[in-house]
Amino acid sequence: KKQHAVMKIRNEIIRATYEFFNNTGFTKIDPPILT
């Protein structure tokens, strides 16, 4: 139950992140993992 709750909060942070940047005119760019 508690671990499930932590992951739900993590998911909400991610959702709110996309909401904030999309609503303020930022474009999502995916940098490479291998550099």
Full PDB file with SEQRES, HELIX, SHEET, SSBOND, CRYST1, ORIGX, SCALE, CONECT and MASTER records, all heavy atoms in Angstrom:
SEQRES   1 A   35  LYS LYS GLN HIS ALA VAL MET LYS ILE ARG ASN GLU ILE          
SEQRES   2 A   35  ILE ARG ALA THR TYR GLU PHE PHE ASN ASN THR GLY PHE          
SEQRES   3 A   35  THR LYS ILE ASP PRO PRO ILE LEU THR                          
HELIX    1 AA1 LYS A    2  ASN A   23  1                                  22    
CRYST1    1.000    1.000    1.000  90.00  90.00  90.00 P 1           1          
ORIGX1      1.000000  0.000000  0.000000        0.00000                         
ORIGX2      0.000000  1.000000  0.000000        0.00000                         
ORIGX3      0.000000  0.000000  1.000000        0.00000                         
SCALE1      1.000000  0.000000  0.000000        0.00000                         
SCALE2      0.000000  1.000000  0.000000        0.00000                         
SCALE3      0.000000  0.000000  1.000000        0.00000                         
ATOM      1  N   LYS A   1       0.815  -1.218   0.000  1.00  0.00           N  
ATOM      2  CA  LYS A   1       0.000   0.000   0.000  1.00  0.00           C  
ATOM      3  C   LYS A   1       0.848   1.268   0.000  1.00  0.00           C  
ATOM      4  O   LYS A   1       0.582   2.212  -0.751  1.00  0.00           O  
ATOM      5  CB  LYS A   1      -0.937  -0.026   1.202  1.00  0.00           C  
ATOM      6  CG  LYS A   1      -2.134   0.897   1.083  1.00  0.00           C  
ATOM      7  CD  LYS A   1      -3.135   0.628   2.201  1.00  0.00           C  
ATOM      8  CE  LYS A   1      -4.428   1.406   1.986  1.00  0.00           C  
ATOM      9  NZ  LYS A   1      -5.421   1.121   3.047  1.00  0.00           N  
ATOM     10  N   LYS A   2       1.877   1.307   0.842  1.00  0.00           N  
ATOM     11  CA  LYS A   2       2.697   2.514   0.927  1.00  0.00           C  
ATOM     12  C   LYS A   2       3.570   2.695  -0.319  1.00  0.00           C  
ATOM     13  O   LYS A   2       3.737   3.813  -0.811  1.00  0.00           O  
ATOM     14  CB  LYS A   2       3.548   2.499   2.199  1.00  0.00           C  
ATOM     15  CG  LYS A   2       2.734   2.738   3.460  1.00  0.00           C  
ATOM     16  CD  LYS A   2       3.613   2.973   4.678  1.00  0.00           C  
ATOM     17  CE  LYS A   2       2.754   3.351   5.895  1.00  0.00           C  
ATOM     18  NZ  LYS A   2       3.585   3.645   7.091  1.00  0.00           N  
ATOM     19  N   GLN A   3       4.126   1.591  -0.817  1.00  0.00           N  
ATOM     20  CA  GLN A   3       4.936   1.701  -2.025  1.00  0.00           C  
ATOM     21  C   GLN A   3       4.069   2.114  -3.213  1.00  0.00           C  
ATOM     22  O   GLN A   3       4.504   2.866  -4.095  1.00  0.00           O  
ATOM     23  CB  GLN A   3       5.650   0.379  -2.303  1.00  0.00           C  
ATOM     24  CG  GLN A   3       6.666  -0.010  -1.245  1.00  0.00           C  
ATOM     25  CD  GLN A   3       7.722   1.046  -1.040  1.00  0.00           C  
ATOM     26  OE1 GLN A   3       8.379   1.475  -1.983  1.00  0.00           O  
ATOM     27  NE2 GLN A   3       7.907   1.495   0.196  1.00  0.00           N  
ATOM     28  N   HIS A   4       2.866   1.602  -3.269  1.00  0.00           N  
ATOM     29  CA  HIS A   4       1.910   1.996  -4.302  1.00  0.00           C  
ATOM     30  C   HIS A   4       1.646   3.499  -4.217  1.00  0.00           C  
ATOM     31  O   HIS A   4       1.613   4.197  -5.248  1.00  0.00           O  
ATOM     32  CB  HIS A   4       0.606   1.209  -4.114  1.00  0.00           C  
ATOM     33  CG  HIS A   4      -0.412   1.432  -5.183  1.00  0.00           C  
ATOM     34  ND1 HIS A   4      -1.347   2.434  -5.104  1.00  0.00           N  
ATOM     35  CD2 HIS A   4      -0.647   0.779  -6.346  1.00  0.00           C  
ATOM     36  CE1 HIS A   4      -2.124   2.388  -6.173  1.00  0.00           C  
ATOM     37  NE2 HIS A   4      -1.720   1.400  -6.951  1.00  0.00           N  
ATOM     38  N   ALA A   5       1.485   4.021  -3.002  1.00  0.00           N  
ATOM     39  CA  ALA A   5       1.225   5.451  -2.813  1.00  0.00           C  
ATOM     40  C   ALA A   5       2.401   6.298  -3.293  1.00  0.00           C  
ATOM     41  O   ALA A   5       2.211   7.346  -3.930  1.00  0.00           O  
ATOM     42  CB  ALA A   5       0.931   5.733  -1.343  1.00  0.00           C  
ATOM     43  N   VAL A   6       3.631   5.860  -3.004  1.00  0.00           N  
ATOM     44  CA  VAL A   6       4.812   6.609  -3.439  1.00  0.00           C  
ATOM     45  C   VAL A   6       4.863   6.683  -4.959  1.00  0.00           C  
ATOM     46  O   VAL A   6       5.144   7.744  -5.543  1.00  0.00           O  
ATOM     47  CB  VAL A   6       6.101   5.973  -2.882  1.00  0.00           C  
ATOM     48  CG1 VAL A   6       7.330   6.647  -3.480  1.00  0.00           C  
ATOM     49  CG2 VAL A   6       6.142   6.068  -1.366  1.00  0.00           C  
ATOM     50  N   MET A   7       4.580   5.574  -5.630  1.00  0.00           N  
ATOM     51  CA  MET A   7       4.615   5.562  -7.094  1.00  0.00           C  
ATOM     52  C   MET A   7       3.504   6.424  -7.688  1.00  0.00           C  
ATOM     53  O   MET A   7       3.671   7.040  -8.748  1.00  0.00           O  
ATOM     54  CB  MET A   7       4.503   4.130  -7.621  1.00  0.00           C  
ATOM     55  CG  MET A   7       5.729   3.263  -7.367  1.00  0.00           C  
ATOM     56  SD  MET A   7       7.260   3.927  -8.088  1.00  0.00           S  
ATOM     57  CE  MET A   7       8.131   4.407  -6.581  1.00  0.00           C  
ATOM     58  N   LYS A   8       2.359   6.512  -7.018  1.00  0.00           N  
ATOM     59  CA  LYS A   8       1.283   7.382  -7.496  1.00  0.00           C  
ATOM     60  C   LYS A   8       1.688   8.849  -7.372  1.00  0.00           C  
ATOM     61  O   LYS A   8       1.373   9.669  -8.248  1.00  0.00           O  
ATOM     62  CB  LYS A   8      -0.004   7.114  -6.713  1.00  0.00           C  
ATOM     63  CG  LYS A   8      -0.591   5.728  -6.918  1.00  0.00           C  
ATOM     64  CD  LYS A   8      -1.120   5.527  -8.322  1.00  0.00           C  
ATOM     65  CE  LYS A   8      -2.459   6.198  -8.525  1.00  0.00           C  
ATOM     66  NZ  LYS A   8      -3.054   5.860  -9.846  1.00  0.00           N  
ATOM     67  N   ILE A   9       2.392   9.189  -6.304  1.00  0.00           N  
ATOM     68  CA  ILE A   9       2.881  10.562  -6.145  1.00  0.00           C  
ATOM     69  C   ILE A   9       3.931  10.858  -7.203  1.00  0.00           C  
ATOM     70  O   ILE A   9       3.945  11.948  -7.798  1.00  0.00           O  
ATOM     71  CB  ILE A   9       3.421  10.775  -4.716  1.00  0.00           C  
ATOM     72  CG1 ILE A   9       2.251  10.772  -3.719  1.00  0.00           C  
ATOM     73  CG2 ILE A   9       4.237  12.065  -4.612  1.00  0.00           C  
ATOM     74  CD1 ILE A   9       2.663  10.769  -2.265  1.00  0.00           C  
ATOM     75  N   ARG A  10       4.807   9.895  -7.458  1.00  0.00           N  
ATOM     76  CA  ARG A  10       5.801  10.061  -8.533  1.00  0.00           C  
ATOM     77  C   ARG A  10       5.093  10.342  -9.859  1.00  0.00           C  
ATOM     78  O   ARG A  10       5.478  11.243 -10.621  1.00  0.00           O  
ATOM     79  CB  ARG A  10       6.658   8.797  -8.623  1.00  0.00           C  
ATOM     80  CG  ARG A  10       7.716   8.828  -9.730  1.00  0.00           C  
ATOM     81  CD  ARG A  10       8.410   7.475  -9.877  1.00  0.00           C  
ATOM     82  NE  ARG A  10       9.300   7.444 -11.033  1.00  0.00           N  
ATOM     83  CZ  ARG A  10      10.629   7.492 -10.967  1.00  0.00           C  
ATOM     84  NH1 ARG A  10      11.226   7.561  -9.800  1.00  0.00           N  
ATOM     85  NH2 ARG A  10      11.355   7.463 -12.072  1.00  0.00           N  
ATOM     86  N   ASN A  11       4.067   9.566 -10.141  1.00  0.00           N  
ATOM     87  CA  ASN A  11       3.328   9.740 -11.388  1.00  0.00           C  
ATOM     88  C   ASN A  11       2.675  11.121 -11.461  1.00  0.00           C  
ATOM     89  O   ASN A  11       2.663  11.748 -12.531  1.00  0.00           O  
ATOM     90  CB  ASN A  11       2.247   8.654 -11.496  1.00  0.00           C  
ATOM     91  CG  ASN A  11       1.473   8.749 -12.793  1.00  0.00           C  
ATOM     92  OD1 ASN A  11       1.988   8.459 -13.863  1.00  0.00           O  
ATOM     93  ND2 ASN A  11       0.214   9.171 -12.706  1.00  0.00           N  
ATOM     94  N   GLU A  12       2.163  11.606 -10.341  1.00  0.00           N  
ATOM     95  CA  GLU A  12       1.533  12.926 -10.327  1.00  0.00           C  
ATOM     96  C   GLU A  12       2.555  14.029 -10.565  1.00  0.00           C  
ATOM     97  O   GLU A  12       2.277  15.019 -11.255  1.00  0.00           O  
ATOM     98  CB  GLU A  12       0.806  13.160  -9.004  1.00  0.00           C  
ATOM     99  CG  GLU A  12       0.161  14.530  -8.863  1.00  0.00           C  
ATOM    100  CD  GLU A  12      -0.876  14.839  -9.931  1.00  0.00           C  
ATOM    101  OE1 GLU A  12      -1.450  13.889 -10.528  1.00  0.00           O  
ATOM    102  OE2 GLU A  12      -1.127  16.028 -10.186  1.00  0.00           O  
ATOM    103  N   ILE A  13       3.754  13.879 -10.020  1.00  0.00           N  
ATOM    104  CA  ILE A  13       4.814  14.856 -10.276  1.00  0.00           C  
ATOM    105  C   ILE A  13       5.151  14.905 -11.759  1.00  0.00           C  
ATOM    106  O   ILE A  13       5.318  15.982 -12.345  1.00  0.00           O  
ATOM    107  CB  ILE A  13       6.069  14.530  -9.435  1.00  0.00           C  
ATOM    108  CG1 ILE A  13       5.768  14.724  -7.949  1.00  0.00           C  
ATOM    109  CG2 ILE A  13       7.257  15.391  -9.861  1.00  0.00           C  
ATOM    110  CD1 ILE A  13       6.853  14.214  -7.022  1.00  0.00           C  
ATOM    111  N   ILE A  14       5.237  13.740 -12.382  1.00  0.00           N  
ATOM    112  CA  ILE A  14       5.527  13.678 -13.817  1.00  0.00           C  
ATOM    113  C   ILE A  14       4.391  14.321 -14.609  1.00  0.00           C  
ATOM    114  O   ILE A  14       4.623  15.108 -15.538  1.00  0.00           O  
ATOM    115  CB  ILE A  14       5.747  12.223 -14.256  1.00  0.00           C  
ATOM    116  CG1 ILE A  14       7.007  11.647 -13.596  1.00  0.00           C  
ATOM    117  CG2 ILE A  14       5.863  12.125 -15.781  1.00  0.00           C  
ATOM    118  CD1 ILE A  14       7.162  10.148 -13.739  1.00  0.00           C  
ATOM    119  N   ARG A  15       3.148  13.990 -14.258  1.00  0.00           N  
ATOM    120  CA  ARG A  15       1.998  14.566 -14.964  1.00  0.00           C  
ATOM    121  C   ARG A  15       1.998  16.091 -14.844  1.00  0.00           C  
ATOM    122  O   ARG A  15       1.809  16.814 -15.826  1.00  0.00           O  
ATOM    123  CB  ARG A  15       0.690  14.007 -14.389  1.00  0.00           C  
ATOM    124  CG  ARG A  15      -0.565  14.400 -15.184  1.00  0.00           C  
ATOM    125  CD  ARG A  15      -1.799  14.438 -14.317  1.00  0.00           C  
ATOM    126  NE  ARG A  15      -1.729  15.446 -13.270  1.00  0.00           N  
ATOM    127  CZ  ARG A  15      -1.924  16.763 -13.470  1.00  0.00           C  
ATOM    128  NH1 ARG A  15      -2.215  17.206 -14.683  1.00  0.00           N  
ATOM    129  NH2 ARG A  15      -1.828  17.613 -12.465  1.00  0.00           N  
ATOM    130  N   ALA A  16       2.228  16.584 -13.613  1.00  0.00           N  
ATOM    131  CA  ALA A  16       2.230  18.027 -13.381  1.00  0.00           C  
ATOM    132  C   ALA A  16       3.393  18.705 -14.098  1.00  0.00           C  
ATOM    133  O   ALA A  16       3.283  19.870 -14.520  1.00  0.00           O  
ATOM    134  CB  ALA A  16       2.297  18.309 -11.879  1.00  0.00           C  
ATOM    135  N   THR A  17       4.512  17.997 -14.240  1.00  0.00           N  
ATOM    136  CA  THR A  17       5.668  18.531 -14.962  1.00  0.00           C  
ATOM    137  C   THR A  17       5.307  18.798 -16.419  1.00  0.00           C  
ATOM    138  O   THR A  17       5.563  19.886 -16.958  1.00  0.00           O  
ATOM    139  CB  THR A  17       6.849  17.555 -14.868  1.00  0.00           C  
ATOM    140  OG1 THR A  17       7.344  17.541 -13.526  1.00  0.00           O  
ATOM    141  CG2 THR A  17       7.973  17.952 -15.810  1.00  0.00           C  
ATOM    142  N   TYR A  18       4.730  17.803 -17.074  1.00  0.00           N  
ATOM    143  CA  TYR A  18       4.329  17.985 -18.471  1.00  0.00           C  
ATOM    144  C   TYR A  18       3.299  19.104 -18.580  1.00  0.00           C  
ATOM    145  O   TYR A  18       3.335  19.916 -19.517  1.00  0.00           O  
ATOM    146  CB  TYR A  18       3.771  16.675 -19.032  1.00  0.00           C  
ATOM    147  CG  TYR A  18       4.835  15.725 -19.516  1.00  0.00           C  
ATOM    148  CD1 TYR A  18       5.474  14.850 -18.643  1.00  0.00           C  
ATOM    149  CD2 TYR A  18       5.223  15.699 -20.852  1.00  0.00           C  
ATOM    150  CE1 TYR A  18       6.459  13.983 -19.075  1.00  0.00           C  
ATOM    151  CE2 TYR A  18       6.209  14.827 -21.303  1.00  0.00           C  
ATOM    152  CZ  TYR A  18       6.826  13.971 -20.414  1.00  0.00           C  
ATOM    153  OH  TYR A  18       7.809  13.108 -20.855  1.00  0.00           O  
ATOM    154  N   GLU A  19       2.381  19.158 -17.642  1.00  0.00           N  
ATOM    155  CA  GLU A  19       1.351  20.196 -17.654  1.00  0.00           C  
ATOM    156  C   GLU A  19       1.982  21.576 -17.575  1.00  0.00           C  
ATOM    157  O   GLU A  19       1.631  22.486 -18.340  1.00  0.00           O  
ATOM    158  CB  GLU A  19       0.399  19.977 -16.478  1.00  0.00           C  
ATOM    159  CG  GLU A  19      -0.730  20.994 -16.378  1.00  0.00           C  
ATOM    160  CD  GLU A  19      -1.640  20.669 -15.197  1.00  0.00           C  
ATOM    161  OE1 GLU A  19      -1.184  20.801 -14.034  1.00  0.00           O  
ATOM    162  OE2 GLU A  19      -2.790  20.273 -15.447  1.00  0.00           O  
ATOM    163  N   PHE A  20       2.924  21.744 -16.636  1.00  0.00           N  
ATOM    164  CA  PHE A  20       3.549  23.058 -16.452  1.00  0.00           C  
ATOM    165  C   PHE A  20       4.288  23.499 -17.704  1.00  0.00           C  
ATOM    166  O   PHE A  20       4.092  24.617 -18.192  1.00  0.00           O  
ATOM    167  CB  PHE A  20       4.508  23.032 -15.261  1.00  0.00           C  
ATOM    168  CG  PHE A  20       5.281  24.313 -15.089  1.00  0.00           C  
ATOM    169  CD1 PHE A  20       4.716  25.400 -14.434  1.00  0.00           C  
ATOM    170  CD2 PHE A  20       6.567  24.449 -15.602  1.00  0.00           C  
ATOM    171  CE1 PHE A  20       5.410  26.598 -14.286  1.00  0.00           C  
ATOM    172  CE2 PHE A  20       7.270  25.637 -15.467  1.00  0.00           C  
ATOM    173  CZ  PHE A  20       6.693  26.721 -14.803  1.00  0.00           C  
ATOM    174  N   PHE A  21       5.155  22.643 -18.218  1.00  0.00           N  
ATOM    175  CA  PHE A  21       5.979  23.062 -19.355  1.00  0.00           C  
ATOM    176  C   PHE A  21       5.160  23.200 -20.634  1.00  0.00           C  
ATOM    177  O   PHE A  21       5.413  24.098 -21.448  1.00  0.00           O  
ATOM    178  CB  PHE A  21       7.153  22.096 -19.538  1.00  0.00           C  
ATOM    179  CG  PHE A  21       8.231  22.270 -18.501  1.00  0.00           C  
ATOM    180  CD1 PHE A  21       8.512  21.273 -17.581  1.00  0.00           C  
ATOM    181  CD2 PHE A  21       8.962  23.448 -18.431  1.00  0.00           C  
ATOM    182  CE1 PHE A  21       9.488  21.438 -16.613  1.00  0.00           C  
ATOM    183  CE2 PHE A  21       9.941  23.634 -17.468  1.00  0.00           C  
ATOM    184  CZ  PHE A  21      10.205  22.623 -16.556  1.00  0.00           C  
ATOM    185  N   ASN A  22       4.172  22.343 -20.824  1.00  0.00           N  
ATOM    186  CA  ASN A  22       3.319  22.497 -21.999  1.00  0.00           C  
ATOM    187  C   ASN A  22       2.505  23.788 -21.928  1.00  0.00           C  
ATOM    188  O   ASN A  22       2.313  24.477 -22.932  1.00  0.00           O  
ATOM    189  CB  ASN A  22       2.375  21.295 -22.136  1.00  0.00           C  
ATOM    190  CG  ASN A  22       3.101  20.041 -22.606  1.00  0.00           C  
ATOM    191  OD1 ASN A  22       4.096  20.127 -23.322  1.00  0.00           O  
ATOM    192  ND2 ASN A  22       2.607  18.886 -22.216  1.00  0.00           N  
ATOM    193  N   ASN A  23       2.037  24.121 -20.732  1.00  0.00           N  
ATOM    194  CA  ASN A  23       1.216  25.326 -20.575  1.00  0.00           C  
ATOM    195  C   ASN A  23       2.023  26.618 -20.631  1.00  0.00           C  
ATOM    196  O   ASN A  23       1.450  27.694 -20.796  1.00  0.00           O  
ATOM    197  CB  ASN A  23       0.441  25.279 -19.257  1.00  0.00           C  
ATOM    198  CG  ASN A  23      -0.678  24.261 -19.273  1.00  0.00           C  
ATOM    199  OD1 ASN A  23      -1.035  23.722 -20.322  1.00  0.00           O  
ATOM    200  ND2 ASN A  23      -1.244  23.976 -18.111  1.00  0.00           N  
ATOM    201  N   THR A  24       3.329  26.524 -20.464  1.00  0.00           N  
ATOM    202  CA  THR A  24       4.170  27.725 -20.492  1.00  0.00           C  
ATOM    203  C   THR A  24       5.014  27.812 -21.768  1.00  0.00           C  
ATOM    204  O   THR A  24       5.959  28.591 -21.831  1.00  0.00           O  
ATOM    205  CB  THR A  24       5.079  27.784 -19.248  1.00  0.00           C  
ATOM    206  OG1 THR A  24       5.778  26.542 -19.093  1.00  0.00           O  
ATOM    207  CG2 THR A  24       4.268  28.061 -17.991  1.00  0.00           C  
ATOM    208  N   GLY A  25       4.676  27.005 -22.760  1.00  0.00           N  
ATOM    209  CA  GLY A  25       5.275  27.159 -24.083  1.00  0.00           C  
ATOM    210  C   GLY A  25       6.601  26.471 -24.309  1.00  0.00           C  
ATOM    211  O   GLY A  25       7.311  26.780 -25.276  1.00  0.00           O  
ATOM    212  N   PHE A  26       6.966  25.510 -23.446  1.00  0.00           N  
ATOM    213  CA  PHE A  26       8.210  24.763 -23.636  1.00  0.00           C  
ATOM    214  C   PHE A  26       7.958  23.582 -24.578  1.00  0.00           C  
ATOM    215  O   PHE A  26       6.892  22.957 -24.548  1.00  0.00           O  
ATOM    216  CB  PHE A  26       8.743  24.247 -22.299  1.00  0.00           C  
ATOM    217  CG  PHE A  26       9.438  25.286 -21.466  1.00  0.00           C  
ATOM    218  CD1 PHE A  26       8.712  26.275 -20.817  1.00  0.00           C  
ATOM    219  CD2 PHE A  26      10.814  25.271 -21.327  1.00  0.00           C  
ATOM    220  CE1 PHE A  26       9.343  27.236 -20.038  1.00  0.00           C  
ATOM    221  CE2 PHE A  26      11.466  26.218 -20.545  1.00  0.00           C  
ATOM    222  CZ  PHE A  26      10.724  27.214 -19.901  1.00  0.00           C  
ATOM    223  N   THR A  27       8.949  23.274 -25.393  1.00  0.00           N  
ATOM    224  CA  THR A  27       8.897  22.126 -26.299  1.00  0.00           C  
ATOM    225  C   THR A  27       9.735  20.994 -25.724  1.00  0.00           C  
ATOM    226  O   THR A  27      10.886  21.218 -25.321  1.00  0.00           O  
ATOM    227  CB  THR A  27       9.443  22.499 -27.693  1.00  0.00           C  
ATOM    228  OG1 THR A  27       8.629  23.544 -28.241  1.00  0.00           O  
ATOM    229  CG2 THR A  27       9.435  21.296 -28.631  1.00  0.00           C  
ATOM    230  N   LYS A  28       9.187  19.793 -25.692  1.00  0.00           N  
ATOM    231  CA  LYS A  28       9.951  18.659 -25.157  1.00  0.00           C  
ATOM    232  C   LYS A  28      10.949  18.165 -26.201  1.00  0.00           C  
ATOM    233  O   LYS A  28      10.595  17.906 -27.360  1.00  0.00           O  
ATOM    234  CB  LYS A  28       9.044  17.504 -24.742  1.00  0.00           C  
ATOM    235  CG  LYS A  28       9.811  16.362 -24.068  1.00  0.00           C  
ATOM    236  CD  LYS A  28       8.897  15.312 -23.489  1.00  0.00           C  
ATOM    237  CE  LYS A  28       9.692  14.262 -22.714  1.00  0.00           C  
ATOM    238  NZ  LYS A  28      10.562  13.440 -23.553  1.00  0.00           N  
ATOM    239  N   ILE A  29      12.182  18.032 -25.767  1.00  0.00           N  
ATOM    240  CA  ILE A  29      13.281  17.527 -26.591  1.00  0.00           C  
ATOM    241  C   ILE A  29      13.911  16.353 -25.860  1.00  0.00           C  
ATOM    242  O   ILE A  29      14.100  16.404 -24.646  1.00  0.00           O  
ATOM    243  CB  ILE A  29      14.337  18.630 -26.841  1.00  0.00           C  
ATOM    244  CG1 ILE A  29      13.730  19.788 -27.639  1.00  0.00           C  
ATOM    245  CG2 ILE A  29      15.567  18.056 -27.549  1.00  0.00           C  
ATOM    246  CD1 ILE A  29      13.361  19.454 -29.069  1.00  0.00           C  
ATOM    247  N   ASP A  30      14.250  15.294 -26.576  1.00  0.00           N  
ATOM    248  CA  ASP A  30      14.833  14.107 -25.954  1.00  0.00           C  
ATOM    249  C   ASP A  30      16.328  14.021 -26.261  1.00  0.00           C  
ATOM    250  O   ASP A  30      16.723  13.648 -27.365  1.00  0.00           O  
ATOM    251  CB  ASP A  30      14.128  12.842 -26.471  1.00  0.00           C  
ATOM    252  CG  ASP A  30      12.650  12.852 -26.134  1.00  0.00           C  
ATOM    253  OD1 ASP A  30      12.315  13.164 -24.985  1.00  0.00           O  
ATOM    254  OD2 ASP A  30      11.828  12.546 -27.019  1.00  0.00           O  
ATOM    255  N   PRO A  31      17.180  14.353 -25.291  1.00  0.00           N  
ATOM    256  CA  PRO A  31      18.626  14.244 -25.503  1.00  0.00           C  
ATOM    257  C   PRO A  31      19.045  12.775 -25.574  1.00  0.00           C  
ATOM    258  O   PRO A  31      18.340  11.895 -25.067  1.00  0.00           O  
ATOM    259  CB  PRO A  31      19.229  14.915 -24.264  1.00  0.00           C  
ATOM    260  CG  PRO A  31      18.092  15.563 -23.559  1.00  0.00           C  
ATOM    261  CD  PRO A  31      16.859  14.833 -23.950  1.00  0.00           C  
ATOM    262  N   PRO A  32      20.203  12.494 -26.164  1.00  0.00           N  
ATOM    263  CA  PRO A  32      20.677  11.108 -26.222  1.00  0.00           C  
ATOM    264  C   PRO A  32      21.141  10.615 -24.858  1.00  0.00           C  
ATOM    265  O   PRO A  32      21.553  11.401 -24.000  1.00  0.00           O  
ATOM    266  CB  PRO A  32      21.848  11.177 -27.208  1.00  0.00           C  
ATOM    267  CG  PRO A  32      22.360  12.575 -27.071  1.00  0.00           C  
ATOM    268  CD  PRO A  32      21.147  13.427 -26.809  1.00  0.00           C  
ATOM    269  N   ILE A  33      21.069   9.311 -24.668  1.00  0.00           N  
ATOM    270  CA  ILE A  33      21.583   8.696 -23.444  1.00  0.00           C  
ATOM    271  C   ILE A  33      23.057   8.337 -23.611  1.00  0.00           C  
ATOM    272  O   ILE A  33      23.844   8.450 -22.680  1.00  0.00           O  
ATOM    273  CB  ILE A  33      20.745   7.464 -23.073  1.00  0.00           C  
ATOM    274  CG1 ILE A  33      19.338   7.910 -22.663  1.00  0.00           C  
ATOM    275  CG2 ILE A  33      21.398   6.659 -21.953  1.00  0.00           C  
ATOM    276  CD1 ILE A  33      18.376   6.779 -22.405  1.00  0.00           C  
ATOM    277  N   LEU A  34      23.447   7.931 -24.802  1.00  0.00           N  
ATOM    278  CA  LEU A  34      24.860   7.677 -25.111  1.00  0.00           C  
ATOM    279  C   LEU A  34      25.481   8.954 -25.638  1.00  0.00           C  
ATOM    280  O   LEU A  34      24.981   9.560 -26.587  1.00  0.00           O  
ATOM    281  CB  LEU A  34      24.986   6.559 -26.147  1.00  0.00           C  
ATOM    282  CG  LEU A  34      24.711   5.139 -25.649  1.00  0.00           C  
ATOM    283  CD1 LEU A  34      24.605   4.183 -26.829  1.00  0.00           C  
ATOM    284  CD2 LEU A  34      25.799   4.674 -24.694  1.00  0.00           C  
ATOM    285  N   THR A  35      26.558   9.390 -25.012  1.00  0.00           N  
ATOM    286  CA  THR A  35      27.201  10.639 -25.414  1.00  0.00           C  
ATOM    287  C   THR A  35      28.701  10.438 -25.580  1.00  0.00           C  
ATOM    288  O   THR A  35      29.292   9.519 -25.007  1.00  0.00           O  
ATOM    289  CB  THR A  35      26.955  11.741 -24.371  1.00  0.00           C  
ATOM    290  OG1 THR A  35      27.661  11.426 -23.168  1.00  0.00           O  
ATOM    291  CG2 THR A  35      25.475  11.884 -24.064  1.00  0.00           C  
TER     292      THR A  35                                                      
MASTER        0    0    0    1    0    0    0    6  291    1    0    3          
END                                                                             
